[in-house]
Protein backbone atom coordinates (compact mmCIF):
# COMPACT_ATOMS: atom_id res chain seq x y z
CA MET A 1 110.75 124.04 105.57
CA PRO A 2 111.18 120.53 106.57
CA VAL A 3 108.65 118.06 105.40
CA LYS A 4 106.85 116.28 107.96
CA PRO A 5 107.16 112.25 107.63
CA SER A 6 103.09 111.99 107.55
CA ASP A 7 103.30 114.60 104.37
CA ARG A 8 105.85 112.61 102.51
CA ALA A 9 104.73 110.37 99.90
CA PRO A 10 105.87 106.58 100.26
CA ARG A 11 108.07 105.77 97.38
CA ARG A 12 106.65 104.38 94.26
CA ASP A 13 108.88 100.95 94.67
CA THR A 14 106.88 100.36 97.63
CA TYR A 15 103.38 100.98 96.66
CA THR A 16 100.99 98.12 97.10
CA PRO A 17 97.16 98.23 97.39
CA GLU A 18 97.40 97.94 101.26
CA SER A 19 99.62 100.80 101.65
CA LEU A 20 97.26 102.75 99.02
CA LEU A 21 94.70 102.17 101.70
CA ALA A 22 96.73 103.12 104.72
CA VAL A 23 97.45 106.68 102.90
CA ALA A 24 93.59 107.08 101.75
CA VAL A 25 92.67 106.43 105.23
CA GLU A 26 95.66 108.97 106.34
CA VAL A 27 94.05 111.86 104.08
CA PHE A 28 90.54 110.96 104.77
CA ASN A 29 90.76 111.66 108.51
CA ARG A 30 93.02 114.73 107.89
CA ARG A 31 90.83 116.39 105.21
CA GLY A 32 87.47 114.83 105.74
CA TYR A 33 86.08 112.50 103.16
CA ASP A 34 84.24 115.18 101.20
CA GLY A 35 87.11 117.06 101.09
CA THR A 36 89.61 114.77 99.75
CA SER A 37 89.83 114.36 95.85
CA MET A 38 91.48 111.75 93.68
CA GLU A 39 94.42 114.53 93.17
CA HIS A 40 94.96 114.65 96.86
CA LEU A 41 94.98 110.55 97.06
CA SER A 42 97.77 110.79 93.77
CA LYS A 43 99.97 113.27 95.47
CA ALA A 44 99.73 111.57 98.87
CA ALA A 45 100.44 108.13 97.64
CA GLY A 46 103.17 109.43 95.18
CA ILE A 47 101.36 107.55 92.19
CA SER A 48 99.61 108.76 89.20
CA LYS A 49 95.45 108.73 89.12
CA SER A 50 95.54 106.01 86.76
CA SER A 51 97.57 103.93 88.77
CA ILE A 52 94.90 104.17 91.78
CA TYR A 53 92.19 103.69 88.91
CA HIS A 54 93.74 100.28 87.88
CA HIS A 55 92.82 99.07 91.40
CA VAL A 56 89.71 100.74 92.39
CA LYS A 57 86.77 102.62 90.94
CA GLY A 58 87.63 105.27 92.84
CA LYS A 59 87.73 107.34 96.37
CA GLU A 60 84.19 105.47 97.60
CA GLU A 61 85.70 101.94 97.07
CA LEU A 62 88.88 102.85 99.12
CA LEU A 63 86.13 104.21 102.07
CA ARG A 64 84.44 101.05 101.71
CA ARG A 65 87.53 98.84 101.94
CA ALA A 66 88.77 100.86 104.97
CA ILE A 67 85.16 100.65 106.94
CA SER A 68 85.17 97.02 106.05
CA ARG A 69 88.41 96.95 107.99
CA ALA A 70 86.77 98.21 111.19
CA LEU A 71 83.42 96.58 111.01
CA ASP A 72 85.23 93.11 110.34
CA GLY A 73 87.43 93.82 113.62
CA LEU A 74 84.38 94.56 115.78
CA PHE A 75 82.27 92.12 114.32
CA ALA A 76 84.83 89.51 114.78
CA ILE A 77 84.71 90.17 118.58
CA LEU A 78 81.14 88.92 118.67
CA ASP A 79 82.17 85.60 117.36
CA GLU A 80 84.91 84.99 119.70
CA PRO A 81 84.32 81.76 122.47
CA GLU A 82 84.45 84.27 125.27
CA ALA A 83 81.43 86.35 123.68
CA ARG A 84 79.53 83.52 123.13
CA ARG A 85 79.41 81.62 126.16
CA GLY A 86 79.01 82.18 129.88
CA ARG A 87 76.96 84.60 131.72
CA ALA A 88 75.71 87.20 129.69
CA ILE A 89 78.13 89.99 132.25
CA GLU A 90 81.12 87.85 131.57
CA ARG A 91 80.24 88.16 127.79
CA LEU A 92 79.41 91.61 127.81
CA GLU A 93 82.73 92.63 129.76
CA HIS A 94 84.82 90.74 126.85
CA VAL A 95 83.11 92.53 124.19
CA VAL A 96 83.67 95.80 125.75
CA ARG A 97 87.36 94.97 126.31
CA ARG A 98 88.22 93.77 122.93
CA THR A 99 85.89 96.67 121.23
CA ALA A 100 88.47 98.99 122.90
CA GLU A 101 91.39 96.95 121.81
CA VAL A 102 90.51 96.95 118.24
CA LEU A 103 89.91 100.24 118.14
CA MET A 104 93.46 100.93 119.36
CA ALA A 105 94.85 98.19 117.08
CA GLU A 106 92.98 99.86 114.36
CA LEU A 107 92.79 103.14 115.16
CA PRO A 108 93.00 105.08 111.92
CA TYR A 109 90.31 102.75 110.13
CA VAL A 110 87.82 102.97 113.34
CA THR A 111 88.52 106.74 113.58
CA LEU A 112 87.30 107.04 109.70
CA LEU A 113 83.92 104.55 110.90
CA LEU A 114 83.74 107.06 113.55
CA ARG A 115 83.22 109.77 111.14
CA VAL A 116 80.94 108.98 108.48
CA ARG A 117 77.85 111.17 108.19
CA GLY A 118 75.83 109.29 105.99
CA ASN A 119 76.37 111.50 102.86
CA THR A 120 76.97 108.38 100.55
CA ARG A 121 75.73 105.11 100.00
CA THR A 122 78.83 103.44 101.78
CA GLU A 123 78.55 105.60 104.62
CA ARG A 124 75.05 104.90 105.21
CA TRP A 125 75.96 101.27 104.97
CA ALA A 126 78.51 102.05 107.47
CA MET A 127 75.92 103.41 109.92
CA GLU A 128 73.55 100.64 109.48
CA ARG A 129 76.02 98.08 110.18
CA ARG A 130 77.12 100.19 113.22
CA ARG A 131 73.86 100.34 114.77
CA GLU A 132 73.45 96.64 114.34
CA PHE A 133 76.68 96.25 116.30
CA ASP A 134 75.23 98.43 119.05
CA HIS A 135 71.85 96.45 119.13
CA ARG A 136 73.91 93.17 119.58
CA VAL A 137 75.79 94.58 122.56
CA ALA A 138 72.20 96.17 124.04
CA GLU A 139 71.06 92.46 123.97
CA LEU A 140 73.64 91.52 126.00
CA LEU A 141 72.84 94.21 128.44
CA ARG A 142 69.56 93.22 128.74
CA ALA A 143 70.46 89.56 129.06
CA ALA A 144 72.77 90.68 131.73
CA ALA A 145 69.89 92.79 133.74
CA ALA A 146 67.85 89.96 133.31
CA GLU A 147 70.23 87.38 134.82
CA GLY A 148 70.50 90.14 137.96
CA ASP A 149 74.35 91.00 136.97
CA LEU A 150 73.44 94.50 136.29
CA ARG A 151 71.16 97.18 137.32
CA ALA A 152 67.73 96.98 136.51
CA ASP A 153 66.51 100.62 136.60
CA LEU A 154 69.14 101.25 133.59
CA ASP A 155 67.66 101.54 130.03
CA ALA A 156 69.79 99.08 127.93
CA ARG A 157 69.93 101.46 124.61
CA LEU A 158 71.06 104.38 126.89
CA ALA A 159 73.52 101.97 128.65
CA THR A 160 74.91 101.02 125.09
CA ARG A 161 75.24 104.59 124.29
CA LEU A 162 77.12 105.63 127.20
CA LEU A 163 79.53 102.64 127.11
CA PHE A 164 80.30 103.40 123.33
CA GLY A 165 80.58 106.99 123.83
CA MET A 166 83.16 106.35 126.58
CA ILE A 167 84.94 103.69 124.23
CA ASN A 168 84.47 105.77 120.98
CA SER A 169 86.47 109.13 122.98
CA ILE A 170 89.59 107.11 122.73
CA VAL A 171 89.86 107.87 119.26
CA GLU A 172 90.26 111.91 120.40
CA TRP A 173 93.06 111.02 122.64
CA TYR A 174 95.14 108.02 122.12
CA ARG A 175 98.25 107.94 120.26
CA PRO A 176 99.95 104.45 120.05
CA LEU A 177 103.45 104.02 121.41
CA PRO A 178 105.98 103.48 118.23
CA ASP A 179 106.07 99.86 117.25
CA ASP A 180 104.45 98.95 120.88
CA SER A 181 101.14 97.44 121.85
CA SER A 182 101.93 97.32 125.93
CA ASP A 183 99.92 100.45 126.64
CA ARG A 184 96.52 99.04 125.05
CA GLY A 185 95.86 96.57 127.89
CA PRO A 186 95.90 99.05 130.38
CA VAL A 187 93.23 101.62 128.92
CA ALA A 188 91.24 98.45 127.87
CA ASP A 189 90.77 97.53 131.71
CA ALA A 190 90.49 100.89 132.81
CA VAL A 191 87.32 100.65 130.54
CA VAL A 192 85.91 98.19 131.75
CA ARG A 193 86.52 99.09 135.54
CA ILE A 194 85.10 102.26 135.03
CA ALA A 195 82.00 101.25 133.16
CA PHE A 196 81.05 97.60 135.27
CA GLU A 197 81.45 99.46 138.66
CA GLY A 198 78.72 101.74 137.89
CA LEU A 199 76.55 99.17 136.00
CA ARG A 200 76.91 96.36 138.15
CA ASP A 201 74.35 95.62 140.62
CA HIS A 202 75.71 95.80 144.49
CA GLY A 203 72.60 94.56 145.64
CA GLY A 204 71.75 98.41 147.12
CA PRO A 205 68.42 100.12 146.61
CA THR A 206 67.67 101.30 143.25
CA ARG A 207 65.46 104.07 142.27
CA PRO A 208 62.08 103.75 140.58
C-alpha cells in the first residue's frame, strides 16, 4: 500500500523544534491529544523519544507551545491599530475579519485550540484564555450597540457566541490551496458580510 504524504516521517536531517511542533499538532488533531503517546510522536517525527525529550519535557509542553501559537495570533489582533481606534463597529468588523484570517493562516494550531476539553492544566489554561478573548469581543459588541450601530435587542454574549460559532466552523471545511493564501480574503469577507448585515441596526422596528 502506498504511504500517504501525511503519514511519512520527515527526514532526520531536516528535523527542527519547529518541524517537531508541526508534526505533533498534526498527530494531536488526527488522534486526539489524549490518544497520542510519545511513541506516536516519535514515529511520526522520525526521531527517537530521547531526541524529543532533549527539547521538551513531554507532550503537554508541545501542546502548550502549539496552543500558545494560536492564542498569540488571536490576541495580537486586539492590539492592531484598526482594533484600537475608530467607532466600535469598525473595530469589531476588523477583529472578526482578522480572526477568520488568522484561523485560516494557522489552521492546524487553531483547530487544536478549539478541540481542547480541559483535561489537563494546559487545556484549562487555554480555555480560560479563549474566554478572555471572547469577553473582549463581547465588550466591543456592547460598545457598538451603545453607539447605535448594532441592534440593541441582541444580547452581547449570545451574539459573541454565535459569531465565533460561525467563524470556528471554518476549521471543519476549509482546506487551504497549496502555497496560496488568495482564498482567505473572500472567506473572511463573506464572514463579515453575513454577520454584520444581521447585527447592524438599519433603523427598523425592534422586538422587545
